[in-house]
């Protein structure tokens, strides 16, 4: 429960970092461009009352559906060590505004496209993480199981300290001083535990081996963390844009997978109900007690007669139209002459 709440807090901070980045981009723009961008975000491509302003629609193939749902990795990881560069698909805040307005009345199922995009991205990142772990296992001196457990304990305490320090700094910047002090008290307790764990780890091996930097791969963003990293270094990592961006992407993927699964279950339930209704109707007509009354037969005959009249009317109308078209054609007129 604690790990989940921390990840949620980190995801919120990642979204805030992304907002700050967008604001810094706006600051570099002229006042006119800033106003134009803000209007695009609020009103979409038709903000000037001209629907032909943009020929590109949010439903076009070249538009990034992940961007429409605020989860494109190219945007989230912009200006980080893992900057992916420009997205091959189109990003336009006006098209995002169009989609958000249109999605209130219709489901476009873009969450499926975004989910598949993020699944592919996270799958590649997890592969890189496993490769980095394998590389470390081949290059670093192998430790016994007992010493490895002690090293992992130091790593885990360091990660907890880094996360709490980053959160305490965020709360302090937001004006929540008491909550920030509360987290700092927890950090001090963790520091004492970490010192004890480090001493236990140091005493379990020769001094020359202890001085070697033992690295570990971050499970979230694939970055390397050292067992001798200080608290400031860990706080910068866990509160940095790269780590928080990956938390945001992973949290968004979980949310999309849950949404798609819930929709699938609803559709399956609806299909099951439809099958039950059709089965009830068939059994009702097969039941011996069901007899067609004279009123039912009269209604059926009347409906059939109306159908026949409509069909004849449509046939004669099409026939007159075809004769009229043939009489207007140049070939027909020359034939008549």
Protein backbone atom coordinates (compact mmCIF):
# COMPACT_ATOMS: atom_id res chain seq x y z
CA UNK A 1 0.00 0.00 0.00
CA UNK A 2 2.87 2.37 0.88
CA UNK A 3 4.69 1.61 -2.40
CA UNK A 4 1.51 2.24 -4.37
CA UNK A 5 0.87 5.60 -2.68
CA UNK A 6 4.47 6.68 -3.29
CA UNK A 7 4.21 5.74 -6.97
CA UNK A 8 0.99 7.70 -7.27
CA UNK A 9 2.62 10.74 -5.69
CA UNK A 10 5.56 10.39 -8.03
CA UNK A 11 3.19 10.15 -11.01
CA UNK A 12 1.48 13.37 -9.92
CA UNK A 13 4.83 15.08 -9.65
CA UNK A 14 5.78 13.81 -13.10
CA UNK A 15 2.65 15.40 -14.52
CA UNK A 16 3.57 18.63 -12.76
CA UNK A 17 7.07 18.48 -14.26
CA UNK A 18 5.54 18.04 -17.71
CA UNK A 19 3.29 21.04 -17.10
CA UNK A 20 6.30 23.11 -16.03
CA UNK A 21 8.11 22.10 -19.23
CA UNK A 22 5.15 23.22 -21.33
CA UNK A 23 5.08 26.49 -19.42
CA UNK A 24 8.79 27.05 -20.04
CA UNK A 25 8.21 26.43 -23.74
CA UNK A 26 5.41 28.99 -23.68
CA UNK A 27 7.71 31.54 -22.04
CA UNK A 28 10.09 31.31 -25.00
CA UNK A 29 7.24 32.05 -27.41
CA UNK A 30 6.00 35.48 -28.35
CA UNK A 31 2.88 36.85 -26.66
CA UNK A 32 0.89 36.32 -29.86
CA UNK A 33 2.04 32.71 -30.20
CA UNK A 34 1.25 32.06 -26.53
CA UNK A 35 -2.29 33.36 -26.96
CA UNK A 36 -2.74 31.28 -30.11
CA UNK A 37 -1.52 28.11 -28.36
CA UNK A 38 -3.79 28.69 -25.36
CA UNK A 39 -6.82 29.23 -27.60
CA UNK A 40 -5.97 26.05 -29.53
CA UNK A 41 -5.89 24.07 -26.31
CA UNK A 42 -9.22 25.47 -25.17
CA UNK A 43 -11.24 25.61 -28.39
CA UNK A 44 -9.58 23.33 -30.93
CA UNK A 45 -9.10 23.88 -34.65
CA UNK A 46 -12.43 25.66 -35.13
CA UNK A 47 -11.71 28.47 -32.68
CA UNK A 48 -11.98 31.08 -35.46
CA UNK A 49 -15.36 29.76 -36.58
CA UNK A 50 -13.85 28.31 -39.75
CA UNK A 51 -14.16 24.55 -39.93
CA UNK A 52 -11.83 24.44 -42.94
CA UNK A 53 -8.95 25.98 -40.99
CA UNK A 54 -7.19 22.64 -40.77
CA UNK A 55 -7.64 19.77 -43.17
CA UNK A 56 -6.15 17.36 -40.63
CA UNK A 57 -8.62 15.77 -38.22
CA UNK A 58 -7.84 14.13 -34.91
CA UNK A 59 -9.12 10.84 -36.34
CA UNK A 60 -6.52 10.80 -39.15
CA UNK A 61 -3.89 8.09 -39.14
CA UNK A 62 -0.99 10.53 -38.92
CA UNK A 63 -2.22 11.95 -35.59
CA UNK A 64 -0.65 10.47 -32.44
CA UNK A 65 -3.44 8.90 -30.39
CA UNK A 66 -1.18 8.63 -27.33
CA UNK A 67 -0.68 12.40 -27.47
CA UNK A 68 -4.43 12.91 -27.53
CA UNK A 69 -4.59 10.98 -24.23
CA UNK A 70 -1.60 12.86 -22.68
CA UNK A 71 0.67 9.80 -22.58
CA UNK A 72 3.05 9.90 -25.56
CA UNK A 73 6.58 8.96 -24.37
CA UNK A 74 8.10 11.39 -26.88
CA UNK A 75 6.40 14.25 -25.05
CA UNK A 76 6.80 12.99 -21.47
CA UNK A 77 10.53 12.17 -21.77
CA UNK A 78 11.39 15.34 -23.66
CA UNK A 79 14.62 17.03 -22.48
CA UNK A 80 15.75 14.00 -20.44
CA UNK A 81 18.67 11.59 -20.79
CA UNK A 82 16.34 9.29 -22.74
CA UNK A 83 14.88 11.96 -25.01
CA UNK A 84 13.26 10.06 -27.90
CA UNK A 85 13.27 13.02 -30.24
CA UNK A 86 10.29 14.17 -32.25
CA UNK A 87 7.36 11.80 -32.48
CA UNK A 88 6.88 10.36 -35.99
CA UNK A 89 3.18 11.18 -35.71
CA UNK A 90 1.52 14.57 -35.45
CA UNK A 91 1.19 16.38 -32.12
CA UNK A 92 -1.25 19.32 -32.11
CA UNK A 93 -2.91 20.70 -28.98
CA UNK A 94 -5.81 21.97 -31.10
CA UNK A 95 -6.54 18.46 -32.35
CA UNK A 96 -6.35 17.23 -28.75
CA UNK A 97 -8.98 19.81 -27.80
CA UNK A 98 -11.15 18.63 -30.73
CA UNK A 99 -10.86 15.04 -29.54
CA UNK A 100 -11.67 15.89 -25.92
CA UNK A 101 -14.83 17.70 -27.02
CA UNK A 102 -15.88 14.92 -29.42
CA UNK A 103 -15.13 12.08 -26.98
CA UNK A 104 -17.82 13.34 -24.58
CA UNK A 105 -20.49 12.03 -26.95
CA UNK A 106 -18.71 9.12 -28.66
CA UNK A 107 -16.17 6.47 -27.75
CA UNK A 108 -13.36 6.38 -30.33
CA UNK A 109 -11.48 3.51 -28.63
CA UNK A 110 -8.20 5.44 -28.81
CA UNK A 111 -7.30 4.09 -25.38
CA UNK A 112 -6.64 0.76 -27.12
CA UNK A 113 -4.19 2.40 -29.55
CA UNK A 114 -2.47 4.23 -26.70
CA UNK A 115 -2.33 1.07 -24.58
CA UNK A 116 -0.66 -0.92 -27.36
CA UNK A 117 1.81 1.93 -27.95
CA UNK A 118 2.79 2.09 -24.27
CA UNK A 119 2.94 -1.70 -23.95
CA UNK A 120 5.46 -1.84 -26.80
CA UNK A 121 7.50 1.01 -25.29
CA UNK A 122 7.57 -0.46 -21.76
CA UNK A 123 8.37 -3.91 -23.15
CA UNK A 124 11.47 -2.49 -24.88
CA UNK A 125 12.49 -0.64 -21.70
CA UNK A 126 12.14 -3.78 -19.58
CA UNK A 127 14.33 -5.64 -22.07
CA UNK A 128 17.02 -2.97 -21.69
CA UNK A 129 16.74 -3.29 -17.90
CA UNK A 130 17.28 -7.05 -18.05
CA UNK A 131 20.25 -6.61 -20.40
CA UNK A 132 21.78 -4.05 -18.04
CA UNK A 133 21.35 -6.44 -15.11
CA UNK A 134 22.99 -9.23 -17.09
CA UNK A 135 25.89 -6.95 -18.03
CA UNK A 136 26.42 -5.98 -14.39
CA UNK A 137 26.35 -9.61 -13.33
CA UNK A 138 29.09 -10.39 -15.86
CA UNK A 139 31.35 -7.42 -15.02
CA UNK A 140 30.93 -7.05 -11.24
CA UNK A 141 32.49 -9.41 -8.74
CA UNK A 142 29.98 -12.01 -7.68
CA UNK A 143 28.94 -11.85 -4.04
CA UNK A 144 27.77 -14.63 -1.80
CA UNK A 145 24.06 -14.88 -1.12
CA UNK A 146 24.46 -13.48 2.40
CA UNK A 147 26.53 -10.48 1.29
CA UNK A 148 24.20 -9.85 -1.68
CA UNK A 149 21.21 -9.67 0.67
CA UNK A 150 23.05 -7.13 2.83
CA UNK A 151 23.91 -5.06 -0.24
CA UNK A 152 20.27 -5.14 -1.37
CA UNK A 153 19.19 -3.94 2.08
CA UNK A 154 21.48 -0.91 1.72
CA UNK A 155 20.13 -0.23 -1.77
CA UNK A 156 16.50 -0.43 -0.65
CA UNK A 157 17.03 1.90 2.31
CA UNK A 158 18.81 4.35 0.02
CA UNK A 159 15.89 4.27 -2.42
CA UNK A 160 13.40 4.95 0.37
CA UNK A 161 15.49 7.90 1.57
CA UNK A 162 15.75 9.32 -1.95
CA UNK A 163 12.00 9.05 -2.58
CA UNK A 164 11.07 10.63 0.75
CA UNK A 165 13.60 13.45 0.30
CA UNK A 166 12.20 14.24 -3.14
CA UNK A 167 8.65 14.23 -1.78
CA UNK A 168 9.64 16.40 1.20
CA UNK A 169 11.19 18.96 -1.15
CA UNK A 170 8.05 18.99 -3.26
CA UNK A 171 5.79 19.50 -0.23
CA UNK A 172 8.05 22.28 1.04
CA UNK A 173 7.93 24.05 -2.33
CA UNK A 174 4.13 23.82 -2.28
CA UNK A 175 3.92 25.37 1.19
CA UNK A 176 3.06 22.19 3.13
CA UNK A 177 5.72 22.77 5.75
CA UNK A 178 4.38 20.45 8.46
CA UNK A 179 4.04 17.49 6.10
CA UNK A 180 7.55 18.19 4.79
CA UNK A 181 8.99 18.17 8.34
CA UNK A 182 7.14 14.91 9.04
CA UNK A 183 8.82 13.26 6.05
CA UNK A 184 12.21 14.61 7.09
CA UNK A 185 11.79 12.91 10.48
CA UNK A 186 11.13 9.64 8.65
CA UNK A 187 14.23 10.27 6.53
CA UNK A 188 16.37 10.63 9.66
CA UNK A 189 15.11 7.29 10.97
CA UNK A 190 15.88 5.65 7.64
CA UNK A 191 19.36 7.17 7.64
CA UNK A 192 20.13 5.58 10.98
CA UNK A 193 18.95 2.22 9.66
CA UNK A 194 21.04 2.68 6.54
CA UNK A 195 24.19 3.39 8.58
CA UNK A 196 23.66 0.16 10.50
CA UNK A 197 23.07 -1.76 7.25
CA UNK A 198 26.20 -0.26 5.67
CA UNK A 199 28.33 -1.24 8.69
CA UNK A 200 26.92 -4.76 8.53
CA UNK A 201 27.67 -4.89 4.80
CA UNK A 202 31.22 -3.49 5.29
CA UNK A 203 32.11 -6.01 7.97
CA UNK A 204 31.04 -8.95 5.80
CA UNK A 205 33.87 -8.50 3.23
CA UNK A 206 37.46 -7.34 2.82
CA UNK A 207 38.07 -3.58 2.72
CA UNK A 208 39.36 -3.69 -0.87
CA UNK A 209 36.17 -5.34 -2.08
CA UNK A 210 33.95 -2.93 -0.16
CA UNK A 211 35.55 0.09 -1.85
CA UNK A 212 34.42 -1.13 -5.27
CA UNK A 213 31.25 0.55 -6.47
CA UNK A 214 28.36 -1.91 -6.50
CA UNK A 215 25.83 -0.82 -9.09
CA UNK A 216 22.17 -1.63 -9.34
CA UNK A 217 19.67 -1.02 -12.15
CA UNK A 218 16.56 1.03 -11.38
CA UNK A 219 13.51 -1.11 -12.11
CA UNK A 220 11.50 1.92 -13.24
CA UNK A 221 13.76 3.85 -15.63
CA UNK A 222 16.80 1.52 -16.18
CA UNK A 223 19.26 4.05 -14.71
CA UNK A 224 22.27 2.86 -12.71
CA UNK A 225 22.36 3.42 -8.94
CA UNK A 226 25.44 2.93 -6.77
CA UNK A 227 25.48 1.50 -3.29
CA UNK A 228 27.73 4.40 -2.20
CA UNK A 229 25.50 7.12 -3.70
CA UNK A 230 24.72 9.84 -1.17
CA UNK A 231 21.21 10.97 -0.26
CA UNK A 232 21.40 14.04 -2.52
CA UNK A 233 22.25 11.92 -5.54
CA UNK A 234 19.40 9.51 -4.79
CA UNK A 235 16.91 12.35 -4.23
CA UNK A 236 17.91 13.91 -7.56
CA UNK A 237 17.34 10.59 -9.28
CA UNK A 238 13.97 9.70 -7.74
CA UNK A 239 12.72 13.28 -8.03
CA UNK A 240 14.13 13.81 -11.51
CA UNK A 241 12.10 14.14 -14.67
CA UNK A 242 13.33 10.88 -16.21
CA UNK A 243 12.31 8.69 -13.27
CA UNK A 244 9.02 10.54 -12.73
CA UNK A 245 8.28 10.39 -16.45
CA UNK A 246 8.62 6.61 -16.45
CA UNK A 247 6.37 6.41 -13.38
CA UNK A 248 3.76 8.48 -15.22
CA UNK A 249 3.98 6.24 -18.31
CA UNK A 250 3.71 3.04 -16.28
CA UNK A 251 0.80 4.39 -14.23
CA UNK A 252 -0.97 5.47 -17.42
CA UNK A 253 -0.45 2.02 -18.95
CA UNK A 254 -2.03 0.35 -15.89
CA UNK A 255 -4.97 2.77 -16.12
CA UNK A 256 -5.47 2.09 -19.84
CA UNK A 257 -5.26 -1.69 -19.40
CA UNK A 258 -7.86 -1.49 -16.65
CA UNK A 259 -10.15 0.67 -18.81
CA UNK A 260 -9.88 -1.65 -21.82
CA UNK A 261 -10.51 -4.73 -19.65
CA UNK A 262 -13.60 -3.16 -18.07
CA UNK A 263 -14.98 -2.30 -21.52
CA UNK A 264 -14.33 -5.85 -22.72
CA UNK A 265 -16.21 -7.26 -19.74
CA UNK A 266 -19.16 -4.91 -20.31
CA UNK A 267 -19.40 -5.88 -23.96
CA UNK A 268 -19.23 -9.55 -23.07
CA UNK A 269 -22.04 -9.10 -20.55
CA UNK A 270 -24.14 -7.26 -23.15
CA UNK A 271 -23.60 -10.03 -25.69
CA UNK A 272 -24.57 -12.63 -23.09
CA UNK A 273 -27.79 -10.74 -22.32
CA UNK A 274 -28.62 -10.49 -26.03
CA UNK A 275 -28.06 -14.23 -26.46
CA UNK A 276 -30.34 -14.94 -23.49
CA UNK A 277 -33.07 -12.65 -24.89
CA UNK A 278 -32.89 -14.33 -28.31
CA UNK A 279 -33.03 -17.73 -26.64
CA UNK A 280 -36.11 -16.72 -24.62
CA UNK A 281 -37.87 -15.52 -27.76
CA UNK A 282 -37.14 -18.73 -29.64
CA UNK A 283 -38.38 -20.85 -26.75
CA UNK A 284 -41.51 -18.71 -26.50
CA UNK A 285 -42.41 -19.28 -30.14
CA UNK A 286 -41.77 -23.01 -29.81
CA UNK A 287 -43.99 -23.32 -26.74
CA UNK A 288 -47.36 -25.08 -27.43
CA UNK A 289 -49.29 -22.43 -25.51
CA UNK A 290 -48.23 -19.77 -28.01
CA UNK A 291 -50.99 -19.29 -30.62
CA UNK A 292 -51.21 -16.61 -33.26
CA UNK A 293 -54.44 -14.67 -32.86
CA UNK A 294 -56.55 -13.31 -35.72
CA UNK A 295 -55.38 -9.79 -34.84
CA UNK A 296 -51.79 -10.93 -35.20
CA UNK A 297 -52.51 -12.43 -38.62
CA UNK A 298 -54.30 -9.28 -39.80
CA UNK A 299 -51.41 -7.13 -38.61
CA UNK A 300 -48.90 -9.33 -40.44
CA UNK A 301 -50.91 -9.20 -43.70
CA UNK A 302 -51.29 -5.42 -43.44
CA UNK A 303 -47.58 -4.99 -42.88
CA UNK A 304 -46.78 -7.22 -45.89
CA UNK A 305 -49.15 -5.23 -48.13
CA UNK A 306 -47.53 -1.97 -47.10
CA UNK A 307 -44.13 -3.43 -47.85
CA UNK A 308 -45.27 -4.51 -51.33
CA UNK A 309 -46.70 -1.06 -52.09
CA UNK A 310 -43.51 0.66 -50.98
CA UNK A 311 -41.40 -1.67 -53.08
CA UNK A 312 -43.56 -1.09 -56.20
CA UNK A 313 -43.49 2.65 -55.62
CA UNK A 314 -39.69 2.62 -55.40
CA UNK A 315 -39.43 0.47 -58.51
CA UNK A 316 -41.62 2.79 -60.63
CA UNK A 317 -39.82 5.84 -59.31
CA UNK A 318 -36.42 4.40 -60.28
CA UNK A 319 -37.80 3.38 -63.68
CA UNK A 320 -39.02 6.92 -64.42
CA UNK A 321 -35.71 8.33 -63.28
CA UNK A 322 -33.75 5.96 -65.58
CA UNK A 323 -35.92 6.84 -68.59
CA UNK A 324 -35.46 10.54 -67.88
CA UNK A 325 -31.70 10.16 -67.64
CA UNK A 326 -31.54 8.20 -70.90
CA UNK A 327 -33.58 10.84 -72.70
CA UNK A 328 -31.15 13.53 -71.56
CA UNK A 329 -28.03 11.69 -72.67
CA UNK A 330 -26.42 12.87 -75.99
CA UNK A 331 -26.25 9.33 -77.30
CA UNK A 332 -30.00 8.87 -76.86
CA UNK A 333 -30.79 12.19 -78.56
CA UNK A 334 -28.63 11.35 -81.57
CA UNK A 335 -30.31 7.98 -81.84
CA UNK A 336 -33.74 9.64 -81.90
CA UNK A 337 -32.65 11.99 -84.70
